Amino acid sequence: MAGLLFVAVFFAAVVLALLFFPQRAEQNFGFGPEWQCVRMEQGDPICVRLADSNAPNGDARDKGASK
């Protein structure tokens, strides 16, 4: 009986921990915060670089890109 009670308490603690501390859905997969990535069911994630909000349209270029 004590074993069943221990297992029930353990599973309740796991469920509460997952509810209060959910895993981050926004993983950046090693990129910086200026990237937004979406995990695919099969294959690698697809990542896009977010535009610089301070740059006017057309000036949000990559830092390493040549002109």
PDB file of N, CA and C in Angstrom:
ATOM      1  N   MET A   1       0.831  -1.202   0.000  1.00  0.00           N
ATOM      2  CA  MET A   1       0.000   0.000   0.000  1.00  0.00           C
ATOM      3  C   MET A   1       0.873   1.263   0.000  1.00  0.00           C
ATOM      4  N   ALA A   2       1.951   1.234   0.779  1.00  0.00           N
ATOM      5  CA  ALA A   2       2.834   2.391   0.846  1.00  0.00           C
ATOM      6  C   ALA A   2       3.511   2.636  -0.499  1.00  0.00           C
ATOM      7  N   GLY A   3       3.808   1.557  -1.226  1.00  0.00           N
ATOM      8  CA  GLY A   3       4.425   1.686  -2.553  1.00  0.00           C
ATOM      9  C   GLY A   3       3.503   2.379  -3.536  1.00  0.00           C
ATOM     10  N   LEU A   4       2.221   2.028  -3.523  1.00  0.00           N
ATOM     11  CA  LEU A   4       1.251   2.675  -4.413  1.00  0.00           C
ATOM     12  C   LEU A   4       1.098   4.150  -4.074  1.00  0.00           C
ATOM     13  N   LEU A   5       1.092   4.447  -2.797  1.00  0.00           N
ATOM     14  CA  LEU A   5       0.986   5.840  -2.375  1.00  0.00           C
ATOM     15  C   LEU A   5       2.220   6.633  -2.818  1.00  0.00           C
ATOM     16  N   PHE A   6       3.395   6.027  -2.703  1.00  0.00           N
ATOM     17  CA  PHE A   6       4.630   6.696  -3.134  1.00  0.00           C
ATOM     18  C   PHE A   6       4.605   6.970  -4.629  1.00  0.00           C
ATOM     19  N   VAL A   7       4.181   5.982  -5.416  1.00  0.00           N
ATOM     20  CA  VAL A   7       4.116   6.159  -6.877  1.00  0.00           C
ATOM     21  C   VAL A   7       3.107   7.250  -7.235  1.00  0.00           C
ATOM     22  N   ALA A   8       1.969   7.273  -6.571  1.00  0.00           N
ATOM     23  CA  ALA A   8       0.955   8.291  -6.848  1.00  0.00           C
ATOM     24  C   ALA A   8       1.479   9.688  -6.515  1.00  0.00           C
ATOM     25  N   VAL A   9       2.155   9.819  -5.387  1.00  0.00           N
ATOM     26  CA  VAL A   9       2.721  11.119  -5.005  1.00  0.00           C
ATOM     27  C   VAL A   9       3.808  11.524  -5.983  1.00  0.00           C
ATOM     28  N   PHE A  10       4.627  10.577  -6.420  1.00  0.00           N
ATOM     29  CA  PHE A  10       5.698  10.876  -7.382  1.00  0.00           C
ATOM     30  C   PHE A  10       5.118  11.393  -8.694  1.00  0.00           C
ATOM     31  N   PHE A  11       4.121  10.696  -9.236  1.00  0.00           N
ATOM     32  CA  PHE A  11       3.515  11.142 -10.493  1.00  0.00           C
ATOM     33  C   PHE A  11       2.802  12.476 -10.338  1.00  0.00           C
ATOM     34  N   ALA A  12       2.184  12.726  -9.217  1.00  0.00           N
ATOM     35  CA  ALA A  12       1.540  14.018  -8.975  1.00  0.00           C
ATOM     36  C   ALA A  12       2.583  15.128  -8.938  1.00  0.00           C
ATOM     37  N   ALA A  13       3.734  14.855  -8.329  1.00  0.00           N
ATOM     38  CA  ALA A  13       4.799  15.860  -8.280  1.00  0.00           C
ATOM     39  C   ALA A  13       5.344  16.144  -9.675  1.00  0.00           C
ATOM     40  N   VAL A  14       5.490  15.109 -10.500  1.00  0.00           N
ATOM     41  CA  VAL A  14       5.974  15.299 -11.874  1.00  0.00           C
ATOM     42  C   VAL A  14       4.982  16.130 -12.679  1.00  0.00           C
ATOM     43  N   VAL A  15       3.702  15.830 -12.559  1.00  0.00           N
ATOM     44  CA  VAL A  15       2.673  16.581 -13.291  1.00  0.00           C
ATOM     45  C   VAL A  15       2.665  18.041 -12.848  1.00  0.00           C
ATOM     46  N   LEU A  16       2.740  18.295 -11.561  1.00  0.00           N
ATOM     47  CA  LEU A  16       2.761  19.673 -11.068  1.00  0.00           C
ATOM     48  C   LEU A  16       4.015  20.407 -11.527  1.00  0.00           C
ATOM     49  N   ALA A  17       5.144  19.720 -11.538  1.00  0.00           N
ATOM     50  CA  ALA A  17       6.382  20.353 -12.002  1.00  0.00           C
ATOM     51  C   ALA A  17       6.275  20.729 -13.476  1.00  0.00           C
ATOM     52  N   LEU A  18       5.685  19.867 -14.297  1.00  0.00           N
ATOM     53  CA  LEU A  18       5.523  20.184 -15.715  1.00  0.00           C
ATOM     54  C   LEU A  18       4.515  21.310 -15.939  1.00  0.00           C
ATOM     55  N   LEU A  19       3.521  21.411 -15.090  1.00  0.00           N
ATOM     56  CA  LEU A  19       2.544  22.493 -15.225  1.00  0.00           C
ATOM     57  C   LEU A  19       3.141  23.840 -14.843  1.00  0.00           C
ATOM     58  N   PHE A  20       3.941  23.867 -13.771  1.00  0.00           N
ATOM     59  CA  PHE A  20       4.492  25.126 -13.300  1.00  0.00           C
ATOM     60  C   PHE A  20       5.782  25.518 -14.016  1.00  0.00           C
ATOM     61  N   PHE A  21       6.500  24.552 -14.565  1.00  0.00           N
ATOM     62  CA  PHE A  21       7.750  24.828 -15.269  1.00  0.00           C
ATOM     63  C   PHE A  21       7.717  24.170 -16.640  1.00  0.00           C
ATOM     64  N   PRO A  22       6.896  24.705 -17.555  1.00  0.00           N
ATOM     65  CA  PRO A  22       6.802  24.084 -18.879  1.00  0.00           C
ATOM     66  C   PRO A  22       8.112  24.270 -19.651  1.00  0.00           C
ATOM     67  N   GLN A  23       8.358  23.367 -20.562  1.00  0.00           N
ATOM     68  CA  GLN A  23       9.554  23.473 -21.380  1.00  0.00           C
ATOM     69  C   GLN A  23       9.384  24.635 -22.343  1.00  0.00           C
ATOM     70  N   ARG A  24      10.489  25.272 -22.637  1.00  0.00           N
ATOM     71  CA  ARG A  24      10.431  26.395 -23.574  1.00  0.00           C
ATOM     72  C   ARG A  24      10.150  25.884 -24.967  1.00  0.00           C
ATOM     73  N   ALA A  25       9.121  26.413 -25.593  1.00  0.00           N
ATOM     74  CA  ALA A  25       8.809  26.034 -26.960  1.00  0.00           C
ATOM     75  C   ALA A  25       9.638  26.824 -27.953  1.00  0.00           C
ATOM     76  N   GLU A  26      10.202  27.926 -27.524  1.00  0.00           N
ATOM     77  CA  GLU A  26      10.973  28.803 -28.401  1.00  0.00           C
ATOM     78  C   GLU A  26      12.459  28.512 -28.267  1.00  0.00           C
ATOM     79  N   GLN A  27      12.904  27.406 -28.804  1.00  0.00           N
ATOM     80  CA  GLN A  27      14.321  27.104 -28.784  1.00  0.00           C
ATOM     81  C   GLN A  27      14.978  27.821 -29.943  1.00  0.00           C
ATOM     82  N   ASN A  28      16.190  28.307 -29.715  1.00  0.00           N
ATOM     83  CA  ASN A  28      16.868  29.001 -30.803  1.00  0.00           C
ATOM     84  C   ASN A  28      17.893  28.113 -31.489  1.00  0.00           C
ATOM     85  N   PHE A  29      18.077  26.871 -31.034  1.00  0.00           N
ATOM     86  CA  PHE A  29      18.925  25.890 -31.684  1.00  0.00           C
ATOM     87  C   PHE A  29      20.345  26.399 -31.887  1.00  0.00           C
ATOM     88  N   GLY A  30      20.856  27.176 -30.937  1.00  0.00           N
ATOM     89  CA  GLY A  30      22.230  27.647 -30.998  1.00  0.00           C
ATOM     90  C   GLY A  30      22.405  29.002 -31.654  1.00  0.00           C
ATOM     91  N   PHE A  31      21.344  29.568 -32.185  1.00  0.00           N
ATOM     92  CA  PHE A  31      21.431  30.890 -32.788  1.00  0.00           C
ATOM     93  C   PHE A  31      21.126  31.934 -31.724  1.00  0.00           C
ATOM     94  N   GLY A  32      21.307  33.190 -32.052  1.00  0.00           N
ATOM     95  CA  GLY A  32      21.023  34.267 -31.118  1.00  0.00           C
ATOM     96  C   GLY A  32      19.536  34.589 -31.058  1.00  0.00           C
ATOM     97  N   PRO A  33      19.179  35.587 -30.246  1.00  0.00           N
ATOM     98  CA  PRO A  33      17.763  35.935 -30.085  1.00  0.00           C
ATOM     99  C   PRO A  33      17.153  36.584 -31.326  1.00  0.00           C
ATOM    100  N   GLU A  34      17.994  36.973 -32.299  1.00  0.00           N
ATOM    101  CA  GLU A  34      17.457  37.603 -33.509  1.00  0.00           C
ATOM    102  C   GLU A  34      16.949  36.568 -34.514  1.00  0.00           C
ATOM    103  N   TRP A  35      17.017  35.289 -34.153  1.00  0.00           N
ATOM    104  CA  TRP A  35      16.540  34.211 -35.012  1.00  0.00           C
ATOM    105  C   TRP A  35      15.276  33.599 -34.429  1.00  0.00           C
ATOM    106  N   GLN A  36      14.362  33.180 -35.317  1.00  0.00           N
ATOM    107  CA  GLN A  36      13.162  32.457 -34.904  1.00  0.00           C
ATOM    108  C   GLN A  36      13.164  31.117 -35.632  1.00  0.00           C
ATOM    109  N   CYS A  37      13.124  30.034 -34.864  1.00  0.00           N
ATOM    110  CA  CYS A  37      13.202  28.698 -35.443  1.00  0.00           C
ATOM    111  C   CYS A  37      11.931  27.914 -35.160  1.00  0.00           C
ATOM    112  N   VAL A  38      11.584  27.043 -36.089  1.00  0.00           N
ATOM    113  CA  VAL A  38      10.426  26.180 -35.946  1.00  0.00           C
ATOM    114  C   VAL A  38      10.904  24.749 -36.134  1.00  0.00           C
ATOM    115  N   ARG A  39      10.583  23.885 -35.161  1.00  0.00           N
ATOM    116  CA  ARG A  39      10.984  22.478 -35.250  1.00  0.00           C
ATOM    117  C   ARG A  39      10.056  21.754 -36.209  1.00  0.00           C
ATOM    118  N   MET A  40      10.652  20.971 -37.107  1.00  0.00           N
ATOM    119  CA  MET A  40       9.905  20.151 -38.048  1.00  0.00           C
ATOM    120  C   MET A  40       9.793  18.732 -37.491  1.00  0.00           C
ATOM    121  N   GLU A  41       8.726  18.020 -37.853  1.00  0.00           N
ATOM    122  CA  GLU A  41       8.578  16.644 -37.385  1.00  0.00           C
ATOM    123  C   GLU A  41       9.721  15.784 -37.876  1.00  0.00           C
ATOM    124  N   GLN A  42      10.074  15.953 -39.122  1.00  0.00           N
ATOM    125  CA  GLN A  42      11.173  15.191 -39.702  1.00  0.00           C
ATOM    126  C   GLN A  42      12.175  16.176 -40.274  1.00  0.00           C
ATOM    127  N   GLY A  43      13.433  15.977 -39.967  1.00  0.00           N
ATOM    128  CA  GLY A  43      14.465  16.840 -40.502  1.00  0.00           C
ATOM    129  C   GLY A  43      14.872  17.932 -39.531  1.00  0.00           C
ATOM    130  N   ASP A  44      15.686  18.817 -40.035  1.00  0.00           N
ATOM    131  CA  ASP A  44      16.227  19.904 -39.224  1.00  0.00           C
ATOM    132  C   ASP A  44      15.200  21.021 -39.055  1.00  0.00           C
ATOM    133  N   PRO A  45      15.380  21.855 -38.015  1.00  0.00           N
ATOM    134  CA  PRO A  45      14.470  22.996 -37.841  1.00  0.00           C
ATOM    135  C   PRO A  45      14.689  24.034 -38.942  1.00  0.00           C
ATOM    136  N   ILE A  46      13.673  24.821 -39.191  1.00  0.00           N
ATOM    137  CA  ILE A  46      13.761  25.912 -40.160  1.00  0.00           C
ATOM    138  C   ILE A  46      13.857  27.206 -39.370  1.00  0.00           C
ATOM    139  N   CYS A  47      14.905  27.996 -39.655  1.00  0.00           N
ATOM    140  CA  CYS A  47      15.145  29.232 -38.922  1.00  0.00           C
ATOM    141  C   CYS A  47      15.150  30.418 -39.878  1.00  0.00           C
ATOM    142  N   VAL A  48      14.560  31.510 -39.443  1.00  0.00           N
ATOM    143  CA  VAL A  48      14.593  32.756 -40.202  1.00  0.00           C
ATOM    144  C   VAL A  48      15.120  33.853 -39.294  1.00  0.00           C
ATOM    145  N   ARG A  49      15.868  34.766 -39.875  1.00  0.00           N
ATOM    146  CA  ARG A  49      16.409  35.877 -39.102  1.00  0.00           C
ATOM    147  C   ARG A  49      15.373  36.994 -39.061  1.00  0.00           C
ATOM    148  N   LEU A  50      15.079  37.469 -37.868  1.00  0.00           N
ATOM    149  CA  LEU A  50      14.108  38.545 -37.704  1.00  0.00           C
ATOM    150  C   LEU A  50      14.722  39.861 -38.161  1.00  0.00           C
ATOM    151  N   ALA A  51      13.906  40.716 -38.738  1.00  0.00           N
ATOM    152  CA  ALA A  51      14.374  42.016 -39.207  1.00  0.00           C
ATOM    153  C   ALA A  51      14.714  42.904 -38.019  1.00  0.00           C
ATOM    154  N   ASP A  52      15.674  43.765 -38.203  1.00  0.00           N
ATOM    155  CA  ASP A  52      16.058  44.722 -37.170  1.00  0.00           C
ATOM    156  C   ASP A  52      14.952  45.761 -37.051  1.00  0.00           C
ATOM    157  N   SER A  53      14.347  45.879 -35.882  1.00  0.00           N
ATOM    158  CA  SER A  53      13.219  46.797 -35.712  1.00  0.00           C
ATOM    159  C   SER A  53      13.647  48.256 -35.747  1.00  0.00           C
ATOM    160  N   ASN A  54      14.938  48.530 -35.541  1.00  0.00           N
ATOM    161  CA  ASN A  54      15.425  49.903 -35.558  1.00  0.00           C
ATOM    162  C   ASN A  54      15.840  50.361 -36.950  1.00  0.00           C
ATOM    163  N   ALA A  55      16.025  49.425 -37.869  1.00  0.00           N
ATOM    164  CA  ALA A  55      16.475  49.786 -39.219  1.00  0.00           C
ATOM    165  C   ALA A  55      15.277  50.131 -40.092  1.00  0.00           C
ATOM    166  N   PRO A  56      15.414  51.147 -40.941  1.00  0.00           N
ATOM    167  CA  PRO A  56      14.333  51.448 -41.899  1.00  0.00           C
ATOM    168  C   PRO A  56      14.234  50.321 -42.929  1.00  0.00           C
ATOM    169  N   ASN A  57      13.121  50.253 -43.636  1.00  0.00           N
ATOM    170  CA  ASN A  57      12.918  49.197 -44.624  1.00  0.00           C
ATOM    171  C   ASN A  57      14.038  49.206 -45.653  1.00  0.00           C
ATOM    172  N   GLY A  58      14.526  48.019 -45.970  1.00  0.00           N
ATOM    173  CA  GLY A  58      15.587  47.893 -46.955  1.00  0.00           C
ATOM    174  C   GLY A  58      16.973  47.961 -46.353  1.00  0.00           C
ATOM    175  N   ASP A  59      17.117  48.399 -45.118  1.00  0.00           N
ATOM    176  CA  ASP A  59      18.441  48.507 -44.506  1.00  0.00           C
ATOM    177  C   ASP A  59      18.716  47.397 -43.491  1.00  0.00           C
ATOM    178  N   ALA A  60      17.843  46.424 -43.372  1.00  0.00           N
ATOM    179  CA  ALA A  60      18.040  45.333 -42.426  1.00  0.00           C
ATOM    180  C   ALA A  60      18.839  44.232 -43.103  1.00  0.00           C
ATOM    181  N   ARG A  61      20.120  44.486 -43.313  1.00  0.00           N
ATOM    182  CA  ARG A  61      21.004  43.541 -43.984  1.00  0.00           C
ATOM    183  C   ARG A  61      21.757  42.722 -42.948  1.00  0.00           C
ATOM    184  N   ASP A  62      22.300  41.613 -43.424  1.00  0.00           N
ATOM    185  CA  ASP A  62      23.170  40.821 -42.560  1.00  0.00           C
ATOM    186  C   ASP A  62      24.416  41.627 -42.257  1.00  0.00           C
ATOM    187  N   LYS A  63      24.962  41.450 -41.073  1.00  0.00           N
ATOM    188  CA  LYS A  63      26.151  42.191 -40.673  1.00  0.00           C
ATOM    189  C   LYS A  63      27.343  41.816 -41.530  1.00  0.00           C
ATOM    190  N   GLY A  64      27.437  40.555 -41.944  1.00  0.00           N
ATOM    191  CA  GLY A  64      28.592  40.101 -42.700  1.00  0.00           C
ATOM    192  C   GLY A  64      28.405  40.203 -44.202  1.00  0.00           C
ATOM    193  N   ALA A  65      27.275  40.639 -44.678  1.00  0.00           N
ATOM    194  CA  ALA A  65      27.023  40.690 -46.119  1.00  0.00           C
ATOM    195  C   ALA A  65      27.734  41.871 -46.749  1.00  0.00           C
ATOM    196  N   SER A  66      28.232  41.641 -47.960  1.00  0.00           N
ATOM    197  CA  SER A  66      28.902  42.748 -48.672  1.00  0.00           C
ATOM    198  C   SER A  66      27.860  43.548 -49.435  1.00  0.00           C
ATOM    199  N   LYS A  67      28.194  44.791 -49.714  1.00  0.00           N
ATOM    200  CA  LYS A  67      27.235  45.692 -50.391  1.00  0.00           C
ATOM    201  C   LYS A  67      27.277  45.553 -51.873  1.00  0.00           C
TER     202      LYS A  67
END
